[in-house]
Amino acid sequence: LAQYGFQVPEMARQRLAGRTKRSGVAAAIYEAAALGVTISDFLSLGGEASSMDSLVPAVKDFLRSQQEAGAEGTNSYKIVKSWVDKLSARPASDILSMDEARQMKMELEDASNQFRVWTQSHA
C-alpha cells in the first residue's frame, strides 16, 4: 500500500504481514470504529437490516468495545448505552421506522465521531 502513496501505520503493516493480532485497547478502538460503520450501514439499508435482531447485537458490541477502550464516562458511551437500552426493550422481530432509523443513525454517527476525538486525545 505504501508504494501507492497510502500511509500505513505500523500496526496495520504488521497485520498485513500476519505478524500480529489486535489485542487490548487498540483492538477495542478498531472494533468500535468498524462497528460504528456497520451499524450506520444497517440503518441506511432499512427493512430487515433495521430489525432488533440485527441491530441489538451490533450496538451491544459497539458499547462493549467502547467500554474495553476505557471510554465508559464519555458522552459517546452514554449515547450508545441509551440506544442499547431502547432497542433491548423491543421485540426481536420489531423493525425501526424510517424516522427512528434516521434519528439513531444521526446519534450513533455523532457518538462515533465523539469516540474518535476521545481516542485521539487519549492516545
Foldseek 3Di string as FASTA:
>chain_A
DVVVVDDADPVRVCVVVVNDDDDFLRVLLVLLLVLLVVLLVLLVVFDPSQFLLNRLVSLVSNLVSCVRNVNCVPPLNVLSVVVNVVSVVDDRGDGDDNVRSVVNNVSNVVSSVRSVVVVVVVD
